[in-house]
Amino acid sequence: MKTIWLAIITFVMFVMTVGMANAQDKEEGEESGLALPRMVSLRSNLINARSGPGARYPIEWVYQQKGAPVEITAEFELWRKIKDWEGSQTWVHKSMLSGTRTIKMTAKGESNIYASDDYQSRVVAKVEDQVIGQVKKCPSGSSFCLIKFDNIEGWVPRRNMFGVYADEVID
């Protein structure tokens, strides 16, 4: 009887170990399964941009602007191919990316921040190009998004920014 119980316990422990190993492999080695392309942001002030999906590939440059939006265009294991606001494509480790939605102002010079999603509304502030803001919402059918820049919040035309798709709805 002891032998039967010992065999059952050994079998159950084996099944649990294999199940945990499979779950860990899925978490550490496979692509996310999320839609491509999609927008995310840079998690750190120093991110190595590599020519391929792995640490053995050479560093092409280093991103130095935490929070800047990038578009994930491909995935390979723990690596994400990204396209930045200038159209450059490179590979970064997934741990260097955040799901926080941000935008980067791309219109040259200053852009108006409006009180509502209408060009006729009051201008609450102006923002220069290359400034990063956090996306609050982008309503359906609107050519504006509500963006927060530090302590200023207002509506910015989609055409003046990178980080939100033309018809994307964000609530």
Protein backbone atom coordinates (compact mmCIF):
# COMPACT_ATOMS: atom_id res chain seq x y z
CA MET A 1 0.00 0.00 0.00
CA LYS A 2 2.87 2.38 0.83
CA THR A 3 4.36 1.73 -2.60
CA ILE A 4 1.12 2.69 -4.36
CA TRP A 5 0.84 5.96 -2.39
CA LEU A 6 4.49 6.75 -3.04
CA ALA A 7 3.97 6.14 -6.78
CA ILE A 8 0.86 8.39 -6.82
CA ILE A 9 2.64 11.21 -4.95
CA THR A 10 5.66 10.94 -7.25
CA PHE A 11 3.41 11.06 -10.32
CA VAL A 12 1.47 14.09 -9.04
CA MET A 13 4.72 15.95 -8.24
CA PHE A 14 6.05 15.15 -11.73
CA VAL A 15 2.87 16.47 -13.40
CA MET A 16 3.00 19.67 -11.30
CA THR A 17 6.68 20.24 -12.13
CA VAL A 18 6.09 19.81 -15.87
CA GLY A 19 3.07 22.14 -15.72
CA MET A 20 5.04 24.84 -13.90
CA ALA A 21 7.94 24.54 -16.35
CA ASN A 22 5.57 24.91 -19.30
CA ALA A 23 3.96 27.99 -17.75
CA GLN A 24 7.38 29.54 -17.14
CA ASP A 25 8.48 28.80 -20.72
CA LYS A 26 5.35 30.51 -22.05
CA GLU A 27 5.93 33.55 -19.86
CA GLU A 28 9.65 33.93 -20.59
CA GLY A 29 10.12 32.74 -24.15
CA GLU A 30 7.07 33.40 -26.31
CA GLU A 31 5.62 36.43 -27.99
CA SER A 32 2.86 38.33 -26.19
CA GLY A 33 0.00 37.46 -28.53
CA LEU A 34 -1.13 41.11 -28.44
CA ALA A 35 -2.13 42.90 -31.64
CA LEU A 36 0.58 44.25 -33.93
CA PRO A 37 1.32 47.00 -34.54
CA ARG A 38 0.60 48.73 -31.21
CA MET A 39 1.81 51.81 -29.37
CA VAL A 40 3.76 51.70 -26.08
CA SER A 41 6.32 53.96 -24.40
CA LEU A 42 9.94 53.79 -23.29
CA ARG A 43 10.31 52.73 -19.64
CA SER A 44 13.77 54.18 -18.93
CA ASN A 45 16.09 57.07 -19.75
CA LEU A 46 18.78 54.74 -21.14
CA ILE A 47 17.62 52.03 -23.55
CA ASN A 48 19.95 50.21 -25.92
CA ALA A 49 18.58 50.03 -29.45
CA ARG A 50 19.98 46.94 -31.18
CA SER A 51 20.21 45.86 -34.81
CA GLY A 52 18.53 42.52 -34.05
CA PRO A 53 16.51 40.64 -31.42
CA GLY A 54 19.17 39.68 -28.88
CA ALA A 55 22.00 40.95 -26.68
CA ARG A 56 24.56 39.59 -29.17
CA TYR A 57 23.45 42.15 -31.78
CA PRO A 58 25.34 45.46 -31.81
CA ILE A 59 23.88 48.58 -30.20
CA GLU A 60 22.91 51.06 -32.92
CA TRP A 61 22.11 53.92 -30.53
CA VAL A 62 20.72 54.62 -27.06
CA TYR A 63 17.28 56.12 -26.42
CA GLN A 64 17.49 58.76 -23.69
CA GLN A 65 13.92 59.99 -23.27
CA LYS A 66 11.83 58.07 -20.77
CA GLY A 67 8.15 58.03 -21.69
CA ALA A 68 8.66 58.62 -25.41
CA PRO A 69 6.09 56.75 -27.53
CA VAL A 70 7.18 53.96 -29.88
CA GLU A 71 5.28 51.51 -32.06
CA ILE A 72 5.89 47.77 -31.69
CA THR A 73 5.92 46.28 -35.21
CA ALA A 74 7.23 42.76 -34.49
CA GLU A 75 8.06 40.40 -31.63
CA PHE A 76 10.66 37.69 -31.21
CA GLU A 77 10.78 35.92 -27.85
CA LEU A 78 11.71 38.64 -25.29
CA TRP A 79 12.54 41.25 -27.95
CA ARG A 80 10.35 43.87 -29.60
CA LYS A 81 11.01 45.59 -32.91
CA ILE A 82 10.01 49.21 -32.50
CA LYS A 83 9.53 52.20 -34.75
CA ASP A 84 10.12 55.61 -33.21
CA TRP A 85 8.75 59.10 -33.97
CA GLU A 86 11.41 59.63 -36.63
CA GLY A 87 10.64 56.35 -38.43
CA SER A 88 13.77 54.51 -37.26
CA GLN A 89 13.30 50.80 -36.55
CA THR A 90 15.33 48.82 -34.05
CA TRP A 91 15.06 46.06 -31.43
CA VAL A 92 14.76 46.50 -27.65
CA HIS A 93 14.16 44.10 -24.77
CA LYS A 94 10.49 43.96 -23.73
CA SER A 95 11.37 44.96 -20.14
CA MET A 96 12.39 48.39 -21.49
CA LEU A 97 8.83 49.13 -22.69
CA SER A 98 5.73 50.25 -20.81
CA GLY A 99 2.06 49.99 -21.71
CA THR A 100 1.54 53.61 -20.64
CA ARG A 101 0.20 55.61 -23.59
CA THR A 102 2.09 58.77 -24.36
CA ILE A 103 2.52 61.13 -27.29
CA LYS A 104 5.42 63.17 -28.56
CA MET A 105 4.77 66.51 -30.19
CA THR A 106 6.10 66.36 -33.75
CA ALA A 107 4.88 69.65 -35.27
CA LYS A 108 7.79 72.04 -35.71
CA GLY A 109 7.82 74.97 -33.31
CA GLU A 110 4.95 75.55 -30.91
CA SER A 111 1.52 73.92 -30.96
CA ASN A 112 -1.64 75.15 -29.26
CA ILE A 113 -3.29 73.23 -26.45
CA TYR A 114 -7.03 73.92 -26.61
CA ALA A 115 -9.70 73.99 -23.88
CA SER A 116 -11.91 71.62 -25.90
CA ASP A 117 -11.64 69.50 -29.04
CA ASP A 118 -12.30 72.45 -31.32
CA TYR A 119 -9.92 74.88 -33.05
CA GLN A 120 -12.29 77.73 -32.09
CA SER A 121 -11.96 77.02 -28.35
CA ARG A 122 -9.70 78.96 -26.01
CA VAL A 123 -5.94 78.23 -26.16
CA VAL A 124 -4.91 77.19 -22.63
CA ALA A 125 -1.17 76.83 -23.34
CA LYS A 126 1.42 76.25 -26.02
CA VAL A 127 3.79 73.30 -26.22
CA GLU A 128 7.01 72.92 -28.19
CA ASP A 129 7.99 70.05 -30.46
CA GLN A 130 9.58 66.95 -28.91
CA VAL A 131 7.64 67.42 -25.62
CA ILE A 132 6.04 64.25 -24.24
CA GLY A 133 2.53 64.10 -22.80
CA GLN A 134 0.29 61.40 -21.37
CA VAL A 135 -2.80 60.38 -23.34
CA LYS A 136 -6.03 60.82 -21.35
CA LYS A 137 -8.53 60.12 -24.15
CA CYS A 138 -9.07 60.24 -27.89
CA PRO A 139 -12.81 60.24 -28.67
CA SER A 140 -14.32 58.48 -31.66
CA GLY A 141 -14.59 60.72 -34.71
CA SER A 142 -12.46 63.50 -33.19
CA SER A 143 -9.28 64.86 -34.72
CA PHE A 144 -8.12 65.81 -31.20
CA CYS A 145 -6.89 63.95 -28.11
CA LEU A 146 -6.96 65.06 -24.50
CA ILE A 147 -3.33 65.16 -23.36
CA LYS A 148 -1.72 65.92 -20.00
CA PHE A 149 1.62 67.76 -19.99
CA ASP A 150 2.88 67.93 -16.39
CA ASN A 151 0.17 70.08 -14.70
CA ILE A 152 -1.50 71.29 -17.94
CA GLU A 153 -4.28 69.32 -19.59
CA GLY A 154 -5.88 70.15 -22.90
CA TRP A 155 -6.82 69.08 -26.39
CA VAL A 156 -4.17 68.65 -29.09
CA PRO A 157 -4.76 67.91 -32.80
CA ARG A 158 -3.74 64.34 -33.68
CA ARG A 159 -1.79 65.59 -36.69
CA ASN A 160 0.67 67.38 -34.36
CA MET A 161 1.75 64.25 -32.45
CA PHE A 162 3.17 60.75 -32.68
CA GLY A 163 1.82 58.01 -30.41
CA VAL A 164 -1.85 57.71 -31.38
CA TYR A 165 -3.24 56.19 -34.57
CA ALA A 166 -5.40 58.40 -36.84
CA ASP A 167 -8.74 56.74 -36.00
CA GLU A 168 -7.82 55.18 -32.65
CA VAL A 169 -10.32 55.54 -29.81
CA ILE A 170 -8.93 55.79 -26.27
CA ASP A 171 -11.33 56.23 -23.36
